[in-house]
N, C-alpha and C. Protein backbone atom coordinates (compact mmCIF):
# COMPACT_ATOMS: atom_id res chain seq x y z
N MET A 1 0.85 -1.18 0.00
CA MET A 1 0.00 0.00 0.00
C MET A 1 0.89 1.24 0.00
N SER A 2 0.37 2.29 -0.51
CA SER A 2 1.16 3.52 -0.58
C SER A 2 0.62 4.55 0.39
N LEU A 3 1.47 5.50 0.67
CA LEU A 3 1.09 6.61 1.55
C LEU A 3 0.78 7.83 0.70
N PRO A 4 -0.08 8.72 1.18
CA PRO A 4 -0.46 9.88 0.39
C PRO A 4 0.58 11.01 0.44
N TYR A 5 1.78 10.72 0.94
CA TYR A 5 2.84 11.71 1.02
C TYR A 5 4.17 10.99 0.77
N GLU A 6 5.22 11.75 0.47
CA GLU A 6 6.54 11.17 0.20
C GLU A 6 7.12 10.56 1.46
N SER A 7 7.49 9.29 1.36
CA SER A 7 8.06 8.59 2.51
C SER A 7 8.84 7.38 2.03
N LYS A 8 9.94 7.06 2.74
CA LYS A 8 10.68 5.83 2.44
C LYS A 8 9.77 4.61 2.60
N CYS A 9 8.79 4.72 3.48
CA CYS A 9 7.89 3.60 3.74
C CYS A 9 6.98 3.29 2.55
N SER A 10 6.92 4.18 1.58
CA SER A 10 6.11 3.93 0.39
C SER A 10 6.74 2.87 -0.50
N ARG A 11 8.04 2.64 -0.32
CA ARG A 11 8.74 1.64 -1.11
C ARG A 11 8.83 0.33 -0.32
N LEU A 12 8.92 -0.77 -1.03
CA LEU A 12 9.07 -2.07 -0.38
C LEU A 12 10.32 -2.06 0.49
N HIS A 13 10.16 -2.46 1.74
CA HIS A 13 11.27 -2.48 2.69
C HIS A 13 10.98 -3.51 3.77
N GLY A 14 11.94 -3.76 4.62
CA GLY A 14 11.76 -4.77 5.66
C GLY A 14 12.07 -4.25 7.04
N HIS A 15 11.68 -5.01 8.03
CA HIS A 15 11.95 -4.72 9.43
C HIS A 15 12.26 -6.02 10.15
N ASN A 16 12.95 -5.91 11.25
CA ASN A 16 13.13 -7.03 12.17
C ASN A 16 12.15 -6.80 13.31
N TRP A 17 10.92 -7.21 13.09
CA TRP A 17 9.84 -6.95 14.01
C TRP A 17 10.01 -7.71 15.32
N THR A 18 9.58 -7.08 16.40
CA THR A 18 9.39 -7.77 17.67
C THR A 18 7.93 -7.57 18.03
N ILE A 19 7.21 -8.67 18.18
CA ILE A 19 5.79 -8.61 18.51
C ILE A 19 5.59 -9.31 19.85
N THR A 20 4.99 -8.60 20.78
CA THR A 20 4.68 -9.16 22.09
C THR A 20 3.17 -9.31 22.19
N VAL A 21 2.73 -10.52 22.50
CA VAL A 21 1.32 -10.84 22.55
C VAL A 21 0.93 -11.09 24.01
N PHE A 22 -0.12 -10.42 24.48
CA PHE A 22 -0.60 -10.56 25.85
C PHE A 22 -1.93 -11.30 25.83
N LEU A 23 -2.00 -12.41 26.56
CA LEU A 23 -3.19 -13.24 26.58
C LEU A 23 -3.64 -13.46 28.01
N ALA A 24 -4.93 -13.68 28.19
CA ALA A 24 -5.45 -13.90 29.54
C ALA A 24 -6.69 -14.78 29.46
N SER A 25 -6.99 -15.43 30.58
CA SER A 25 -8.15 -16.30 30.65
C SER A 25 -8.56 -16.50 32.10
N ARG A 26 -9.81 -16.75 32.33
CA ARG A 26 -10.27 -17.11 33.67
C ARG A 26 -9.89 -18.54 34.01
N GLU A 27 -9.76 -19.37 32.98
CA GLU A 27 -9.45 -20.79 33.16
C GLU A 27 -8.31 -21.17 32.24
N VAL A 28 -7.60 -22.22 32.58
CA VAL A 28 -6.62 -22.80 31.67
C VAL A 28 -7.28 -23.99 30.96
N ASN A 29 -6.71 -24.39 29.85
CA ASN A 29 -7.28 -25.52 29.10
C ASN A 29 -6.87 -26.84 29.75
N ALA A 30 -7.23 -27.94 29.14
CA ALA A 30 -6.96 -29.27 29.70
C ALA A 30 -5.47 -29.53 29.88
N GLU A 31 -4.64 -28.83 29.11
CA GLU A 31 -3.19 -29.00 29.22
C GLU A 31 -2.58 -28.06 30.26
N GLY A 32 -3.42 -27.22 30.89
CA GLY A 32 -2.93 -26.29 31.91
C GLY A 32 -2.39 -24.98 31.36
N MET A 33 -2.85 -24.58 30.17
CA MET A 33 -2.36 -23.36 29.52
C MET A 33 -3.52 -22.44 29.14
N VAL A 34 -3.24 -21.16 29.05
CA VAL A 34 -4.19 -20.22 28.44
C VAL A 34 -4.27 -20.57 26.95
N ILE A 35 -3.13 -20.71 26.31
CA ILE A 35 -2.99 -21.17 24.92
C ILE A 35 -1.56 -21.64 24.77
N ASP A 36 -1.34 -22.63 23.95
CA ASP A 36 0.01 -23.12 23.70
C ASP A 36 0.78 -22.05 22.92
N PHE A 37 1.99 -21.72 23.39
CA PHE A 37 2.82 -20.74 22.68
C PHE A 37 3.02 -21.15 21.22
N LYS A 38 3.02 -22.44 20.94
CA LYS A 38 3.18 -22.92 19.57
C LYS A 38 2.06 -22.39 18.68
N ARG A 39 0.84 -22.36 19.18
CA ARG A 39 -0.30 -21.85 18.39
C ARG A 39 -0.14 -20.36 18.09
N VAL A 40 0.36 -19.61 19.07
CA VAL A 40 0.58 -18.18 18.86
C VAL A 40 1.66 -17.99 17.79
N LYS A 41 2.75 -18.73 17.92
CA LYS A 41 3.84 -18.61 16.95
C LYS A 41 3.37 -18.99 15.54
N GLU A 42 2.58 -20.06 15.42
CA GLU A 42 2.09 -20.48 14.10
C GLU A 42 1.24 -19.39 13.47
N LYS A 43 0.36 -18.80 14.24
CA LYS A 43 -0.61 -17.84 13.70
C LYS A 43 0.02 -16.49 13.37
N VAL A 44 1.07 -16.10 14.11
CA VAL A 44 1.68 -14.79 13.90
C VAL A 44 3.04 -14.94 13.20
N HIS A 45 4.01 -15.49 13.89
CA HIS A 45 5.37 -15.57 13.34
C HIS A 45 5.43 -16.38 12.05
N ASP A 46 4.92 -17.60 12.10
CA ASP A 46 5.03 -18.47 10.94
C ASP A 46 4.28 -17.91 9.73
N TYR A 47 3.19 -17.19 9.97
CA TYR A 47 2.43 -16.60 8.87
C TYR A 47 3.16 -15.40 8.26
N LEU A 48 3.73 -14.55 9.10
CA LEU A 48 4.32 -13.30 8.62
C LEU A 48 5.80 -13.41 8.25
N ASP A 49 6.53 -14.36 8.83
CA ASP A 49 7.98 -14.43 8.68
C ASP A 49 8.41 -14.50 7.22
N HIS A 50 9.25 -13.57 6.83
CA HIS A 50 9.82 -13.46 5.48
C HIS A 50 8.76 -13.29 4.39
N GLY A 51 7.59 -12.82 4.77
CA GLY A 51 6.54 -12.59 3.78
C GLY A 51 6.44 -11.12 3.40
N ASN A 52 5.77 -10.87 2.31
CA ASN A 52 5.48 -9.50 1.90
C ASN A 52 4.16 -9.11 2.56
N PHE A 53 4.23 -8.26 3.56
CA PHE A 53 3.03 -7.89 4.32
C PHE A 53 1.97 -7.26 3.43
N ASN A 54 2.38 -6.61 2.36
CA ASN A 54 1.39 -6.04 1.44
C ASN A 54 0.55 -7.13 0.78
N ASP A 55 1.10 -8.32 0.63
CA ASP A 55 0.36 -9.44 0.05
C ASP A 55 -0.37 -10.26 1.11
N LEU A 56 0.19 -10.33 2.33
CA LEU A 56 -0.37 -11.19 3.37
C LEU A 56 -1.51 -10.56 4.16
N LEU A 57 -1.52 -9.24 4.24
CA LEU A 57 -2.49 -8.55 5.09
C LEU A 57 -3.40 -7.66 4.26
N PRO A 58 -4.69 -7.59 4.60
CA PRO A 58 -5.65 -6.83 3.79
C PRO A 58 -5.73 -5.36 4.16
N PHE A 59 -4.66 -4.80 4.71
CA PHE A 59 -4.64 -3.40 5.13
C PHE A 59 -3.23 -2.85 4.99
N ASN A 60 -3.09 -1.55 5.12
CA ASN A 60 -1.77 -0.93 5.11
C ASN A 60 -0.99 -1.48 6.31
N PRO A 61 0.13 -2.18 6.09
CA PRO A 61 0.81 -2.87 7.18
C PRO A 61 1.65 -1.94 8.07
N THR A 62 0.97 -1.03 8.73
CA THR A 62 1.65 -0.19 9.71
C THR A 62 1.78 -0.98 11.01
N ALA A 63 2.66 -0.55 11.88
CA ALA A 63 2.81 -1.21 13.18
C ALA A 63 1.48 -1.19 13.94
N GLU A 64 0.75 -0.09 13.85
CA GLU A 64 -0.54 0.02 14.54
C GLU A 64 -1.54 -1.02 14.01
N ASN A 65 -1.62 -1.12 12.69
CA ASN A 65 -2.56 -2.08 12.10
C ASN A 65 -2.16 -3.52 12.37
N ILE A 66 -0.87 -3.79 12.38
CA ILE A 66 -0.42 -5.15 12.67
C ILE A 66 -0.71 -5.50 14.12
N ALA A 67 -0.51 -4.58 15.04
CA ALA A 67 -0.84 -4.84 16.45
C ALA A 67 -2.32 -5.15 16.59
N ALA A 68 -3.18 -4.39 15.94
CA ALA A 68 -4.63 -4.65 16.01
C ALA A 68 -4.96 -6.01 15.39
N TRP A 69 -4.31 -6.36 14.30
CA TRP A 69 -4.52 -7.66 13.66
C TRP A 69 -4.15 -8.81 14.61
N VAL A 70 -3.03 -8.67 15.31
CA VAL A 70 -2.60 -9.71 16.25
C VAL A 70 -3.66 -9.89 17.34
N VAL A 71 -4.16 -8.79 17.89
CA VAL A 71 -5.20 -8.88 18.93
C VAL A 71 -6.41 -9.65 18.41
N GLU A 72 -6.76 -9.44 17.16
CA GLU A 72 -7.93 -10.10 16.58
C GLU A 72 -7.72 -11.60 16.33
N GLN A 73 -6.49 -12.06 16.34
CA GLN A 73 -6.21 -13.46 16.01
C GLN A 73 -6.58 -14.44 17.12
N PHE A 74 -6.68 -13.96 18.36
CA PHE A 74 -6.90 -14.85 19.50
C PHE A 74 -7.97 -14.28 20.42
N PRO A 75 -8.98 -15.06 20.77
CA PRO A 75 -10.00 -14.55 21.70
C PRO A 75 -9.42 -14.23 23.07
N GLN A 76 -8.30 -14.83 23.42
CA GLN A 76 -7.68 -14.59 24.72
C GLN A 76 -6.75 -13.37 24.72
N CYS A 77 -6.54 -12.76 23.57
CA CYS A 77 -5.58 -11.65 23.46
C CYS A 77 -6.24 -10.33 23.85
N TYR A 78 -5.61 -9.64 24.78
CA TYR A 78 -6.11 -8.33 25.20
C TYR A 78 -5.18 -7.19 24.81
N LYS A 79 -3.97 -7.51 24.34
CA LYS A 79 -3.02 -6.46 23.99
C LYS A 79 -1.92 -7.05 23.12
N ALA A 80 -1.42 -6.26 22.18
CA ALA A 80 -0.26 -6.63 21.38
C ALA A 80 0.62 -5.40 21.22
N ILE A 81 1.91 -5.62 21.29
CA ILE A 81 2.89 -4.56 21.07
C ILE A 81 3.73 -4.95 19.86
N VAL A 82 3.86 -4.03 18.92
CA VAL A 82 4.67 -4.27 17.73
C VAL A 82 5.78 -3.23 17.71
N GLU A 83 7.02 -3.72 17.69
CA GLU A 83 8.17 -2.84 17.58
C GLU A 83 8.81 -3.11 16.23
N GLU A 84 8.72 -2.13 15.32
CA GLU A 84 9.26 -2.34 13.98
C GLU A 84 10.75 -2.05 13.92
N SER A 85 11.23 -1.20 14.81
CA SER A 85 12.65 -0.92 14.96
C SER A 85 12.82 -0.26 16.32
N ASN A 86 14.04 -0.13 16.76
CA ASN A 86 14.31 0.40 18.09
C ASN A 86 13.62 1.75 18.30
N GLY A 87 12.68 1.78 19.23
CA GLY A 87 11.98 3.02 19.56
C GLY A 87 10.72 3.28 18.76
N ASN A 88 10.48 2.52 17.71
CA ASN A 88 9.26 2.68 16.91
C ASN A 88 8.28 1.58 17.32
N VAL A 89 7.40 1.93 18.25
CA VAL A 89 6.53 0.94 18.89
C VAL A 89 5.07 1.37 18.77
N ALA A 90 4.21 0.39 18.51
CA ALA A 90 2.77 0.62 18.50
C ALA A 90 2.10 -0.45 19.34
N GLN A 91 0.98 -0.11 19.96
CA GLN A 91 0.22 -1.05 20.78
C GLN A 91 -1.24 -1.02 20.35
N ALA A 92 -1.89 -2.15 20.53
CA ALA A 92 -3.33 -2.24 20.30
C ALA A 92 -3.93 -3.03 21.44
N TYR A 93 -5.16 -2.68 21.81
CA TYR A 93 -5.86 -3.31 22.92
C TYR A 93 -7.23 -3.78 22.47
N ASP A 94 -7.72 -4.82 23.13
CA ASP A 94 -9.10 -5.23 22.96
C ASP A 94 -9.87 -4.59 24.10
N ASP A 95 -10.63 -3.56 23.81
CA ASP A 95 -11.33 -2.83 24.87
C ASP A 95 -12.58 -3.55 25.37
N HIS A 96 -12.89 -4.71 24.79
CA HIS A 96 -14.02 -5.51 25.26
C HIS A 96 -13.57 -6.69 26.11
N PHE A 97 -12.28 -6.80 26.34
CA PHE A 97 -11.77 -7.95 27.07
C PHE A 97 -12.09 -7.84 28.55
N PRO A 98 -12.56 -8.94 29.16
CA PRO A 98 -12.88 -8.88 30.60
C PRO A 98 -11.60 -8.77 31.43
N ILE A 99 -11.62 -7.88 32.40
CA ILE A 99 -10.42 -7.66 33.21
C ILE A 99 -10.35 -8.60 34.41
N GLU A 100 -11.32 -9.47 34.59
CA GLU A 100 -11.34 -10.38 35.72
C GLU A 100 -10.51 -11.65 35.46
N ALA A 101 -9.67 -11.64 34.47
CA ALA A 101 -8.89 -12.83 34.12
C ALA A 101 -7.99 -13.25 35.27
N LYS A 102 -7.88 -14.54 35.46
CA LYS A 102 -7.05 -15.10 36.52
C LYS A 102 -5.65 -15.40 36.01
N TYR A 103 -5.53 -15.85 34.77
CA TYR A 103 -4.26 -16.26 34.20
C TYR A 103 -3.83 -15.27 33.12
N LEU A 104 -2.63 -14.78 33.22
CA LEU A 104 -2.10 -13.84 32.23
C LEU A 104 -0.82 -14.40 31.65
N MET A 105 -0.60 -14.18 30.40
CA MET A 105 0.67 -14.55 29.77
C MET A 105 1.10 -13.46 28.82
């Protein structure tokens, strides 16, 4: 996607993203987890790793939009932080998430 103003971000480029996913639940599953970290990695890392975000995501792949997308991937997710480079950080929250959760990860 392009920006309506001149920017290096208008050209294809890459980042070494760091994405932090926050999950919570009132109960753990039969295995004793809110969710298996493997499932989170498959849905986020494995899907996005070395891909062209313009092809993989149906929106302008800004850090803000990617954080919101991560939150939407898991019903247990209440927050995601996306750091596209040192100091360039965006966060997204699920404002409908119940705060009475017992287990946080």
